[in-house]
Amino acid sequence: MAKHTKAFKIQIAERYLMGRDGYEALGKEFGLAHGQVRNWARLYERWGEAIFDRSYTAHSPAFKLEVLNDMATNGLSCIDAALKYRLSSPGMISRWRSAYEREGIEGLAARPKGRAPMARRKKKDPEEMTEVEKLKERVEYLEMENAALKKLRALVQEEN
């Protein structure tokens, strides 16, 4: 979830652009860094409200490299590159740069998000199992059955 809503960002940007408040005054009033207020105002001024829409675009490594090369060639800051390439977060460009400096072009490739799935345990054929393995499996089954019966007994007692 985003820390600040689209409406909040628009409100801050519009108040700055109307000329009533400065970056620092708005930052103090809302507990924001004045640089953040400046970034929102510049993005809003250039691209309008749509810049604050939630975007689920996965940028290709080629696009990321293009942005980084343009920054290096033309001396653009992260916010200038964000304005030019219609990216809502200059911080994202900083992460791309760090990943590129650490790992090269491989660092710009998208990685899967979230936890890795758990490995499934394969059941062996009973013919292939040793006597000890068969007994362990039987004990595991009986323990699960016992736990289920205990829960059932507790539920029945709870009703009475």
Protein backbone atom coordinates (compact mmCIF):
# COMPACT_ATOMS: atom_id res chain seq x y z
CA MET A 1 0.00 0.00 0.00
CA ALA A 2 1.23 3.45 -0.83
CA LYS A 3 2.20 5.70 2.03
CA HIS A 4 0.34 8.69 0.58
CA THR A 5 -2.84 8.69 -1.48
CA LYS A 6 -3.18 10.15 -4.95
CA ALA A 7 -5.57 12.83 -3.63
CA PHE A 8 -3.07 13.85 -0.94
CA LYS A 9 -0.24 14.21 -3.46
CA ILE A 10 -2.46 16.26 -5.78
CA GLN A 11 -3.52 18.51 -2.91
CA ILE A 12 0.10 19.19 -1.93
CA ALA A 13 1.18 19.81 -5.53
CA GLU A 14 -1.73 22.16 -6.24
CA ARG A 15 -1.16 24.17 -3.06
CA TYR A 16 2.47 24.68 -4.06
CA LEU A 17 1.67 25.54 -7.68
CA MET A 18 -0.93 28.13 -6.60
CA GLY A 19 1.92 29.99 -4.95
CA ARG A 20 0.37 30.12 -1.49
CA ASP A 21 2.95 27.90 0.20
CA GLY A 22 6.57 26.99 -0.37
CA TYR A 23 8.20 23.56 -0.34
CA GLU A 24 9.46 23.89 3.20
CA ALA A 25 6.19 25.28 4.63
CA LEU A 26 4.18 22.44 3.10
CA GLY A 27 6.74 19.91 4.22
CA LYS A 28 6.57 21.13 7.81
CA GLU A 29 2.77 21.31 7.80
CA PHE A 30 2.32 17.75 6.55
CA GLY A 31 5.46 16.13 7.97
CA LEU A 32 7.14 15.62 4.61
CA ALA A 33 10.63 16.26 3.34
CA HIS A 34 10.59 19.46 1.27
CA GLY A 35 12.32 17.56 -1.56
CA GLN A 36 9.33 15.22 -1.73
CA VAL A 37 6.97 18.17 -2.03
CA ARG A 38 9.15 19.61 -4.82
CA ASN A 39 9.16 16.26 -6.68
CA TRP A 40 5.38 15.91 -6.50
CA ALA A 41 4.87 19.49 -7.66
CA ARG A 42 7.21 19.08 -10.64
CA LEU A 43 5.69 15.74 -11.67
CA TYR A 44 2.15 17.10 -11.34
CA GLU A 45 3.02 20.25 -13.27
CA ARG A 46 4.49 18.24 -16.15
CA TRP A 47 2.17 15.20 -16.36
CA GLY A 48 -1.01 16.12 -14.45
CA GLU A 49 -3.01 13.90 -12.11
CA ALA A 50 -2.34 10.72 -14.06
CA ILE A 51 1.28 10.62 -12.84
CA PHE A 52 0.03 9.62 -9.38
CA ASP A 53 -2.07 6.68 -10.62
CA ARG A 54 -0.87 3.33 -9.35
CA SER A 55 1.27 1.80 -12.06
CA TYR A 56 2.08 -1.88 -12.24
CA THR A 57 4.37 -1.57 -15.20
CA ALA A 58 7.38 -3.83 -15.18
CA HIS A 59 10.07 -1.93 -17.04
CA SER A 60 12.38 -3.91 -19.25
CA PRO A 61 16.12 -4.00 -18.59
CA ALA A 62 16.63 -2.21 -21.92
CA PHE A 63 14.39 0.68 -20.81
CA LYS A 64 16.14 0.92 -17.44
CA LEU A 65 19.53 0.97 -19.17
CA GLU A 66 18.29 3.66 -21.57
CA VAL A 67 17.23 5.86 -18.64
CA LEU A 68 20.56 5.34 -16.84
CA ASN A 69 22.58 6.04 -20.01
CA ASP A 70 20.57 9.20 -20.68
CA MET A 71 21.24 10.35 -17.13
CA ALA A 72 24.98 9.73 -17.52
CA THR A 73 25.19 11.30 -20.99
CA ASN A 74 23.11 14.40 -20.31
CA GLY A 75 23.84 14.84 -16.61
CA LEU A 76 20.20 14.40 -15.59
CA SER A 77 19.21 14.03 -11.96
CA CYS A 78 16.83 11.30 -10.88
CA ILE A 79 13.92 13.74 -10.78
CA ASP A 80 14.80 15.12 -14.22
CA ALA A 81 14.89 11.58 -15.62
CA ALA A 82 11.58 10.77 -13.92
CA LEU A 83 10.03 13.86 -15.51
CA LYS A 84 11.42 13.02 -18.94
CA TYR A 85 10.42 9.33 -18.92
CA ARG A 86 7.10 9.76 -17.03
CA LEU A 87 8.14 7.76 -13.99
CA SER A 88 6.32 8.61 -10.78
CA SER A 89 9.19 7.68 -8.46
CA PRO A 90 12.69 9.11 -8.76
CA GLY A 91 13.68 6.69 -5.99
CA MET A 92 13.02 3.83 -8.38
CA ILE A 93 15.71 5.18 -10.70
CA SER A 94 18.15 5.34 -7.77
CA ARG A 95 17.49 1.66 -7.06
CA TRP A 96 18.10 0.82 -10.72
CA ARG A 97 21.42 2.69 -10.62
CA SER A 98 22.53 0.89 -7.44
CA ALA A 99 21.58 -2.50 -8.86
CA TYR A 100 23.41 -1.72 -12.11
CA GLU A 101 26.56 -0.64 -10.26
CA ARG A 102 26.51 -3.79 -8.09
CA GLU A 103 25.52 -6.45 -10.62
CA GLY A 104 25.72 -4.92 -14.07
CA ILE A 105 22.95 -5.51 -16.62
CA GLU A 106 21.77 -8.61 -14.69
CA GLY A 107 20.84 -6.32 -11.80
CA LEU A 108 18.24 -4.60 -13.98
CA ALA A 109 16.33 -7.81 -14.75
CA ALA A 110 13.00 -8.27 -12.98
CA ARG A 111 13.00 -10.75 -10.13
CA PRO A 112 10.00 -12.67 -8.86
CA LYS A 113 8.39 -11.10 -5.82
CA GLY A 114 7.30 -12.84 -2.65
CA ARG A 115 8.42 -16.02 -0.99
CA ALA A 116 9.63 -18.99 -2.94
CA PRO A 117 7.12 -21.84 -2.93
CA MET A 118 7.73 -24.70 -0.54
CA ALA A 119 9.08 -27.88 -2.06
CA ARG A 120 6.54 -30.69 -2.13
CA ARG A 121 7.53 -33.87 -0.37
CA LYS A 122 7.35 -36.87 -2.67
CA LYS A 123 5.74 -40.01 -1.35
CA LYS A 124 7.69 -43.15 -1.99
CA ASP A 125 6.11 -46.36 -3.21
CA PRO A 126 5.53 -48.77 -0.33
CA GLU A 127 7.71 -51.35 -2.09
CA GLU A 128 10.67 -48.94 -2.08
CA MET A 129 10.31 -47.95 1.59
CA THR A 130 12.33 -49.54 4.34
CA GLU A 131 10.60 -50.92 7.42
CA VAL A 132 11.71 -47.87 9.47
CA GLU A 133 10.29 -45.45 6.88
CA LYS A 134 6.98 -47.35 6.86
CA LEU A 135 6.80 -47.17 10.65
CA LYS A 136 7.63 -43.44 10.68
CA GLU A 137 4.87 -42.78 8.16
CA ARG A 138 2.41 -44.83 10.23
CA VAL A 139 3.36 -42.93 13.42
CA GLU A 140 2.91 -39.59 11.61
CA TYR A 141 -0.54 -40.65 10.41
CA LEU A 142 -1.60 -41.80 13.87
CA GLU A 143 -0.35 -38.55 15.47
CA MET A 144 -2.42 -36.50 13.01
CA GLU A 145 -5.46 -38.69 13.66
CA ASN A 146 -4.96 -38.34 17.42
CA ALA A 147 -4.69 -34.52 17.15
CA ALA A 148 -7.91 -34.38 15.11
CA LEU A 149 -9.75 -36.48 17.70
CA LYS A 150 -8.49 -34.25 20.53
CA LYS A 151 -9.80 -31.16 18.72
CA LEU A 152 -13.16 -32.84 18.16
CA ARG A 153 -13.37 -33.79 21.84
CA ALA A 154 -12.54 -30.21 22.85
CA LEU A 155 -15.27 -28.84 20.58
CA VAL A 156 -17.84 -31.24 22.00
CA GLN A 157 -16.89 -30.29 25.55
CA GLU A 158 -17.09 -26.62 24.65
CA GLU A 159 -20.67 -27.06 23.41
CA ASN A 160 -21.71 -28.80 26.68
